[in-house]
C-alpha cells in the first residue's frame, strides 16, 4: 500500500511558484497593455494633426553652377493649396538654395517640374516637406 502524502498547509510556507508566476505575468501584461494604449493614442493624435499633403522628390539634376531642376510628385486634397520646401546643398554641406513652391492646382495627384536658382554648384537637393496653407 502506497503512502498518501498530505498537502502542505495553506499559507504556511509563502506563495507557491505558480502564484508568483501568475503575478509576474499580470504585471507584464498590464505594462504591455499600457504601452499599447499609449501607442494607439499617439498614433491617433499624429494622424489627426498631420498635414493632408504628401510630396516626394522623384529626381533632381544639377544643370549648372547656378541651377538645379527637380521633379516632385504631390498628393493633396482636391482644391487644397500646398507649399513644399526644397533645399539644395553644396559639397561641403552648406545651403546654396532654398525654395518654397506653392502648389494650387486642382488635381489631387500630379507631378510638378521646378527649377531652383543656386548661389554655387549644388551637390544634392532635398525635399524638406509639404504642408497645406489657407487660401486667401
N, C-alpha and C. Protein backbone atom coordinates (compact mmCIF):
# COMPACT_ATOMS: atom_id res chain seq x y z
N UNK A 1 0.82 -1.15 0.00
CA UNK A 1 0.00 0.00 0.00
C UNK A 1 0.89 1.24 0.00
N UNK A 2 0.58 2.13 -0.91
CA UNK A 2 1.39 3.34 -1.05
C UNK A 2 0.92 4.37 -0.03
N UNK A 3 1.90 5.03 0.51
CA UNK A 3 1.57 6.06 1.49
C UNK A 3 1.08 7.30 0.76
N UNK A 4 0.01 7.87 1.22
CA UNK A 4 -0.55 9.05 0.58
C UNK A 4 0.01 10.28 1.28
N UNK A 5 0.56 11.20 0.49
CA UNK A 5 1.16 12.40 1.05
C UNK A 5 0.10 13.45 1.30
N UNK A 6 0.25 14.09 2.37
CA UNK A 6 -0.68 15.16 2.68
C UNK A 6 -0.16 16.45 2.07
N UNK A 7 -1.07 17.32 1.61
CA UNK A 7 -0.69 18.61 1.05
C UNK A 7 -0.18 19.50 2.17
N UNK A 8 0.70 20.43 1.80
CA UNK A 8 1.23 21.37 2.78
C UNK A 8 0.11 22.30 3.24
N UNK A 9 0.18 22.71 4.48
CA UNK A 9 -0.85 23.64 4.98
C UNK A 9 -0.83 24.95 4.18
N UNK A 10 -2.02 25.48 3.88
CA UNK A 10 -2.17 26.73 3.13
C UNK A 10 -1.50 27.89 3.86
N UNK A 11 -0.73 28.72 3.12
CA UNK A 11 -0.15 29.93 3.67
C UNK A 11 1.02 29.73 4.60
N UNK A 12 1.38 28.52 4.91
CA UNK A 12 2.44 28.29 5.90
C UNK A 12 3.82 28.56 5.34
N UNK A 13 4.04 28.26 4.10
CA UNK A 13 5.37 28.39 3.52
C UNK A 13 5.44 29.47 2.43
N UNK A 14 4.57 30.47 2.43
CA UNK A 14 4.59 31.54 1.44
C UNK A 14 3.82 31.14 0.19
N UNK A 15 3.95 31.97 -0.81
CA UNK A 15 3.24 31.71 -2.07
C UNK A 15 3.91 30.59 -2.83
N UNK A 16 3.09 29.89 -3.60
CA UNK A 16 3.65 28.82 -4.42
C UNK A 16 4.29 29.43 -5.66
N UNK A 17 5.08 28.67 -6.36
CA UNK A 17 5.75 29.15 -7.57
C UNK A 17 4.73 29.55 -8.62
N UNK A 18 3.61 28.85 -8.70
CA UNK A 18 2.57 29.18 -9.67
C UNK A 18 1.96 30.55 -9.38
N UNK A 19 1.73 30.85 -8.12
CA UNK A 19 1.15 32.14 -7.76
C UNK A 19 2.11 33.28 -8.09
N UNK A 20 3.41 33.08 -7.84
CA UNK A 20 4.40 34.11 -8.17
C UNK A 20 4.47 34.32 -9.67
N UNK A 21 4.44 33.25 -10.44
CA UNK A 21 4.48 33.35 -11.90
C UNK A 21 3.23 34.05 -12.42
N UNK A 22 2.07 33.75 -11.85
CA UNK A 22 0.83 34.41 -12.26
C UNK A 22 0.90 35.91 -12.00
N UNK A 23 1.45 36.29 -10.87
CA UNK A 23 1.55 37.71 -10.52
C UNK A 23 2.49 38.42 -11.49
N UNK A 24 3.63 37.81 -11.82
CA UNK A 24 4.57 38.42 -12.76
C UNK A 24 3.92 38.58 -14.14
N UNK A 25 3.17 37.58 -14.57
CA UNK A 25 2.51 37.67 -15.87
C UNK A 25 1.46 38.78 -15.89
N UNK A 26 0.75 38.95 -14.78
CA UNK A 26 -0.24 40.02 -14.70
C UNK A 26 0.43 41.39 -14.79
N UNK A 27 1.55 41.55 -14.11
CA UNK A 27 2.28 42.83 -14.14
C UNK A 27 2.80 43.10 -15.55
N UNK A 28 3.41 42.10 -16.16
CA UNK A 28 3.93 42.27 -17.52
C UNK A 28 2.80 42.58 -18.49
N UNK A 29 1.69 41.88 -18.37
CA UNK A 29 0.53 42.15 -19.23
C UNK A 29 -0.01 43.56 -19.05
N UNK A 30 -0.05 44.03 -17.81
CA UNK A 30 -0.53 45.39 -17.54
C UNK A 30 0.39 46.44 -18.16
N UNK A 31 1.70 46.23 -18.02
CA UNK A 31 2.66 47.18 -18.59
C UNK A 31 2.57 47.19 -20.12
N UNK A 32 2.52 46.02 -20.72
CA UNK A 32 2.41 45.95 -22.19
C UNK A 32 1.10 46.55 -22.67
N UNK A 33 0.02 46.33 -21.94
CA UNK A 33 -1.26 46.93 -22.29
C UNK A 33 -1.21 48.45 -22.24
N UNK A 34 -0.56 49.00 -21.21
CA UNK A 34 -0.42 50.45 -21.08
C UNK A 34 0.41 51.02 -22.23
N UNK A 35 1.49 50.32 -22.60
CA UNK A 35 2.33 50.77 -23.71
C UNK A 35 1.54 50.75 -25.02
N UNK A 36 0.78 49.70 -25.24
CA UNK A 36 -0.05 49.60 -26.45
C UNK A 36 -1.09 50.71 -26.49
N UNK A 37 -1.73 50.97 -25.37
CA UNK A 37 -2.73 52.04 -25.30
C UNK A 37 -2.09 53.40 -25.59
N UNK A 38 -0.90 53.63 -25.04
CA UNK A 38 -0.18 54.87 -25.31
C UNK A 38 0.17 55.02 -26.79
N UNK A 39 0.61 53.94 -27.42
CA UNK A 39 0.95 53.98 -28.84
C UNK A 39 -0.27 54.27 -29.70
N UNK A 40 -1.39 53.64 -29.39
CA UNK A 40 -2.62 53.87 -30.15
C UNK A 40 -3.05 55.33 -30.00
N UNK A 41 -2.95 55.88 -28.79
CA UNK A 41 -3.31 57.28 -28.57
C UNK A 41 -2.40 58.22 -29.34
N UNK A 42 -1.09 57.95 -29.30
CA UNK A 42 -0.14 58.79 -30.04
C UNK A 42 -0.41 58.71 -31.54
N UNK A 43 -0.68 57.51 -32.05
CA UNK A 43 -0.97 57.33 -33.48
C UNK A 43 -2.21 58.13 -33.88
N UNK A 44 -3.22 58.10 -33.05
CA UNK A 44 -4.45 58.84 -33.36
C UNK A 44 -4.19 60.33 -33.42
N UNK A 45 -3.47 60.87 -32.45
CA UNK A 45 -3.15 62.30 -32.43
C UNK A 45 -2.29 62.66 -33.64
N UNK A 46 -1.30 61.83 -33.95
CA UNK A 46 -0.43 62.08 -35.09
C UNK A 46 -1.22 62.07 -36.40
N UNK A 47 -2.14 61.14 -36.53
CA UNK A 47 -2.95 61.03 -37.75
C UNK A 47 -3.84 62.26 -37.92
N UNK A 48 -4.41 62.73 -36.84
CA UNK A 48 -5.33 63.87 -36.90
C UNK A 48 -4.59 65.17 -37.18
N UNK A 49 -3.41 65.34 -36.60
CA UNK A 49 -2.72 66.62 -36.70
C UNK A 49 -1.76 66.75 -37.87
N UNK A 50 -1.46 65.67 -38.58
CA UNK A 50 -0.52 65.77 -39.69
C UNK A 50 -1.16 66.39 -40.91
N UNK A 51 -0.32 66.88 -41.77
CA UNK A 51 -0.76 67.55 -42.98
C UNK A 51 -1.44 66.56 -43.94
N UNK A 52 -2.36 67.10 -44.73
CA UNK A 52 -3.04 66.28 -45.72
C UNK A 52 -2.30 66.28 -47.05
N UNK A 53 -1.09 66.82 -47.06
CA UNK A 53 -0.29 66.90 -48.28
C UNK A 53 0.92 66.00 -48.12
N UNK A 54 1.19 65.22 -49.15
CA UNK A 54 2.43 64.46 -49.15
C UNK A 54 3.15 64.72 -50.46
N UNK A 55 4.44 64.84 -50.36
CA UNK A 55 5.24 65.11 -51.54
C UNK A 55 6.45 64.18 -51.56
N UNK A 56 6.95 63.92 -52.75
CA UNK A 56 8.12 63.08 -52.90
C UNK A 56 8.98 63.68 -54.01
N UNK A 57 10.27 63.77 -53.74
CA UNK A 57 11.21 64.23 -54.75
C UNK A 57 11.54 63.04 -55.64
N UNK A 58 11.06 63.07 -56.87
CA UNK A 58 11.27 61.96 -57.81
C UNK A 58 12.71 61.97 -58.30
N UNK A 59 13.17 63.13 -58.75
CA UNK A 59 14.57 63.24 -59.18
C UNK A 59 14.98 64.70 -59.18
N UNK A 60 16.27 64.91 -59.11
CA UNK A 60 16.82 66.25 -59.24
C UNK A 60 18.10 66.16 -60.05
N UNK A 61 18.39 67.25 -60.74
CA UNK A 61 19.57 67.27 -61.60
C UNK A 61 20.20 68.65 -61.53
N UNK A 62 21.50 68.68 -61.25
CA UNK A 62 22.23 69.93 -61.27
C UNK A 62 22.53 70.26 -62.72
N UNK A 63 21.95 71.36 -63.20
CA UNK A 63 22.07 71.75 -64.59
C UNK A 63 23.32 72.59 -64.83
N UNK A 64 23.61 73.48 -63.88
CA UNK A 64 24.78 74.36 -64.00
C UNK A 64 25.22 74.77 -62.60
N UNK A 65 26.17 75.69 -62.54
CA UNK A 65 26.64 76.18 -61.24
C UNK A 65 25.57 77.03 -60.54
N UNK A 66 24.55 77.45 -61.28
CA UNK A 66 23.53 78.32 -60.69
C UNK A 66 22.11 77.78 -60.83
N UNK A 67 21.96 76.50 -61.18
CA UNK A 67 20.62 76.00 -61.42
C UNK A 67 20.49 74.50 -61.14
N UNK A 68 19.35 74.13 -60.55
CA UNK A 68 19.00 72.74 -60.30
C UNK A 68 17.57 72.54 -60.77
N UNK A 69 17.31 71.42 -61.42
CA UNK A 69 15.96 71.07 -61.83
C UNK A 69 15.49 69.89 -60.99
N UNK A 70 14.22 69.94 -60.57
CA UNK A 70 13.67 68.88 -59.72
C UNK A 70 12.27 68.53 -60.19
N UNK A 71 11.90 67.28 -59.98
CA UNK A 71 10.54 66.81 -60.28
C UNK A 71 9.93 66.31 -58.98
N UNK A 72 8.77 66.87 -58.61
CA UNK A 72 8.06 66.49 -57.39
C UNK A 72 6.80 65.73 -57.74
N UNK A 73 6.46 64.75 -56.92
CA UNK A 73 5.17 64.07 -57.01
C UNK A 73 4.37 64.49 -55.78
N UNK A 74 3.19 65.04 -56.02
CA UNK A 74 2.38 65.63 -54.95
C UNK A 74 1.04 64.92 -54.86
N UNK A 75 0.61 64.66 -53.61
CA UNK A 75 -0.74 64.16 -53.32
C UNK A 75 -1.34 65.12 -52.28
N UNK A 76 -2.52 65.63 -52.61
CA UNK A 76 -3.18 66.58 -51.71
C UNK A 76 -4.68 66.49 -51.91
N UNK A 77 -5.41 67.14 -51.04
CA UNK A 77 -6.85 67.19 -51.18
C UNK A 77 -7.25 68.03 -52.37
N UNK A 78 -8.34 67.66 -53.01
CA UNK A 78 -8.81 68.40 -54.18
C UNK A 78 -9.13 69.84 -53.78
N UNK A 79 -8.56 70.78 -54.49
CA UNK A 79 -8.80 72.19 -54.20
C UNK A 79 -7.93 72.76 -53.09
N UNK A 80 -7.15 71.95 -52.40
CA UNK A 80 -6.27 72.45 -51.34
C UNK A 80 -5.08 73.17 -51.96
N UNK A 81 -4.54 74.10 -51.22
CA UNK A 81 -3.33 74.82 -51.62
C UNK A 81 -2.20 74.31 -50.73
N UNK A 82 -1.07 73.97 -51.35
CA UNK A 82 0.05 73.40 -50.60
C UNK A 82 1.32 74.18 -50.88
N UNK A 83 2.25 74.07 -49.94
CA UNK A 83 3.59 74.63 -50.11
C UNK A 83 4.59 73.55 -49.76
N UNK A 84 5.53 73.31 -50.69
CA UNK A 84 6.60 72.33 -50.46
C UNK A 84 7.93 73.07 -50.46
N UNK A 85 8.81 72.69 -49.54
CA UNK A 85 10.11 73.35 -49.40
C UNK A 85 11.21 72.45 -49.93
N UNK A 86 11.97 72.98 -50.89
CA UNK A 86 13.13 72.29 -51.46
C UNK A 86 14.40 72.99 -51.00
N UNK A 87 15.46 72.22 -50.81
CA UNK A 87 16.73 72.78 -50.37
C UNK A 87 17.86 72.07 -51.11
N UNK A 88 18.79 72.85 -51.64
CA UNK A 88 19.98 72.30 -52.29
C UNK A 88 21.21 72.64 -51.47
N UNK A 89 22.15 71.69 -51.44
CA UNK A 89 23.38 71.90 -50.68
C UNK A 89 24.60 71.61 -51.54
N UNK A 90 25.69 72.27 -51.20
CA UNK A 90 26.96 72.10 -51.91
C UNK A 90 27.71 70.89 -51.36
N UNK A 91 28.89 70.63 -51.92
CA UNK A 91 29.73 69.51 -51.46
C UNK A 91 30.05 69.58 -49.98
N UNK A 92 30.29 70.79 -49.46
CA UNK A 92 30.65 70.93 -48.05
C UNK A 92 29.44 70.94 -47.12
N UNK A 93 28.23 70.78 -47.67
CA UNK A 93 27.02 70.73 -46.86
C UNK A 93 26.34 72.06 -46.67
N UNK A 94 26.95 73.13 -47.14
CA UNK A 94 26.34 74.45 -46.98
C UNK A 94 25.15 74.59 -47.93
N UNK A 95 24.16 75.33 -47.48
CA UNK A 95 22.95 75.53 -48.27
C UNK A 95 23.22 76.53 -49.39
N UNK A 96 22.89 76.14 -50.62
CA UNK A 96 23.09 77.04 -51.76
C UNK A 96 21.77 77.48 -52.37
N UNK A 97 20.66 76.87 -51.94
CA UNK A 97 19.35 77.28 -52.43
C UNK A 97 18.25 76.73 -51.52
N UNK A 98 17.21 77.53 -51.36
CA UNK A 98 16.01 77.11 -50.64
C UNK A 98 14.83 77.74 -51.37
N UNK A 99 13.81 76.93 -51.64
CA UNK A 99 12.67 77.43 -52.39
C UNK A 99 11.38 76.83 -51.82
N UNK A 100 10.41 77.70 -51.54
CA UNK A 100 9.07 77.27 -51.17
C UNK A 100 8.22 77.31 -52.43
N UNK A 101 7.75 76.16 -52.86
CA UNK A 101 6.96 76.04 -54.08
C UNK A 101 5.49 76.00 -53.70
N UNK A 102 4.71 76.94 -54.20
CA UNK A 102 3.28 76.97 -53.94
C UNK A 102 2.57 76.15 -55.01
N UNK A 103 1.74 75.22 -54.56
CA UNK A 103 1.04 74.31 -55.46
C UNK A 103 -0.46 74.47 -55.23
N UNK A 104 -1.12 75.14 -56.16
CA UNK A 104 -2.56 75.36 -56.01
C UNK A 104 -3.35 74.77 -57.18
N UNK A 105 -2.82 73.74 -57.79
CA UNK A 105 -3.53 73.05 -58.87
C UNK A 105 -4.73 72.30 -58.29
N UNK A 106 -5.80 72.15 -59.05
CA UNK A 106 -7.00 71.50 -58.52
C UNK A 106 -6.89 69.98 -58.41
N UNK A 107 -5.91 69.36 -59.07
CA UNK A 107 -5.79 67.90 -59.04
C UNK A 107 -5.37 67.41 -57.66
N UNK A 108 -5.68 66.16 -57.38
CA UNK A 108 -5.28 65.53 -56.11
C UNK A 108 -3.90 64.89 -56.21
N UNK A 109 -3.51 64.43 -57.40
CA UNK A 109 -2.24 63.73 -57.58
C UNK A 109 -1.61 64.22 -58.88
N UNK A 110 -0.41 64.78 -58.80
CA UNK A 110 0.24 65.30 -60.00
C UNK A 110 1.74 65.40 -59.78
N UNK A 111 2.47 65.62 -60.87
CA UNK A 111 3.91 65.89 -60.78
C UNK A 111 4.14 67.34 -61.15
N UNK A 112 5.17 67.91 -60.55
CA UNK A 112 5.49 69.32 -60.76
C UNK A 112 6.98 69.44 -61.06
N UNK A 113 7.31 70.16 -62.13
CA UNK A 113 8.69 70.42 -62.52
C UNK A 113 9.09 71.77 -61.93
N UNK A 114 10.22 71.82 -61.22
CA UNK A 114 10.65 73.02 -60.52
C UNK A 114 12.12 73.30 -60.86
N UNK A 115 12.44 74.59 -61.04
CA UNK A 115 13.83 75.00 -61.24
C UNK A 115 14.25 75.86 -60.05
N UNK A 116 15.36 75.49 -59.42
CA UNK A 116 15.90 76.25 -58.29
C UNK A 116 17.13 77.01 -58.76
N UNK A 117 17.24 78.27 -58.38
CA UNK A 117 18.43 79.07 -58.64
C UNK A 117 19.36 78.91 -57.43
N UNK A 118 20.63 78.65 -57.69
CA UNK A 118 21.58 78.39 -56.61
C UNK A 118 22.67 79.45 -56.58
N UNK A 119 23.30 79.60 -55.42
CA UNK A 119 24.41 80.55 -55.27
C UNK A 119 25.75 79.90 -55.60
N UNK A 120 25.80 78.59 -55.67
CA UNK A 120 27.00 77.83 -56.03
C UNK A 120 26.53 76.49 -56.59
N UNK A 121 27.47 75.69 -57.06
CA UNK A 121 27.10 74.39 -57.63
C UNK A 121 26.51 73.49 -56.54
N UNK A 122 25.34 72.92 -56.81
CA UNK A 122 24.66 72.06 -55.84
C UNK A 122 25.13 70.62 -56.01
N UNK A 123 25.34 69.96 -54.88
CA UNK A 123 25.72 68.55 -54.88
C UNK A 123 24.46 67.66 -54.82
N UNK A 124 23.49 68.05 -53.98
CA UNK A 124 22.25 67.29 -53.86
C UNK A 124 21.12 68.20 -53.42
N UNK A 125 19.90 67.74 -53.68
CA UNK A 125 18.69 68.51 -53.36
C UNK A 125 17.77 67.63 -52.52
N UNK A 126 17.15 68.22 -51.51
CA UNK A 126 16.24 67.52 -50.61
C UNK A 126 14.87 68.18 -50.66
N UNK A 127 13.84 67.37 -50.45
CA UNK A 127 12.50 67.88 -50.19
C UNK A 127 12.34 67.86 -48.68
N UNK A 128 12.27 69.05 -48.08
CA UNK A 128 12.17 69.12 -46.62
C UNK A 128 10.78 68.77 -46.12
N UNK A 129 9.76 69.04 -46.92
CA UNK A 129 8.41 68.70 -46.50
C UNK A 129 7.37 69.55 -47.21
N UNK A 130 6.12 69.14 -47.05
CA UNK A 130 4.99 69.84 -47.65
C UNK A 130 3.94 70.07 -46.58
N UNK A 131 3.17 71.13 -46.76
CA UNK A 131 2.11 71.45 -45.80
C UNK A 131 0.98 72.18 -46.53
N UNK A 132 -0.21 72.09 -45.98
CA UNK A 132 -1.33 72.84 -46.56
C UNK A 132 -1.28 74.26 -46.02
N UNK A 133 -1.79 75.18 -46.81
CA UNK A 133 -1.87 76.58 -46.39
C UNK A 133 -3.29 77.06 -46.65
N UNK A 134 -3.68 78.04 -45.88
CA UNK A 134 -5.00 78.63 -46.03
C UNK A 134 -5.04 79.45 -47.32
N UNK A 135 -6.10 79.32 -48.08
CA UNK A 135 -6.25 80.11 -49.29
C UNK A 135 -6.70 81.50 -48.90
N UNK A 136 -6.19 82.48 -49.62
CA UNK A 136 -6.66 83.82 -49.33
C UNK A 136 -5.65 84.87 -49.49
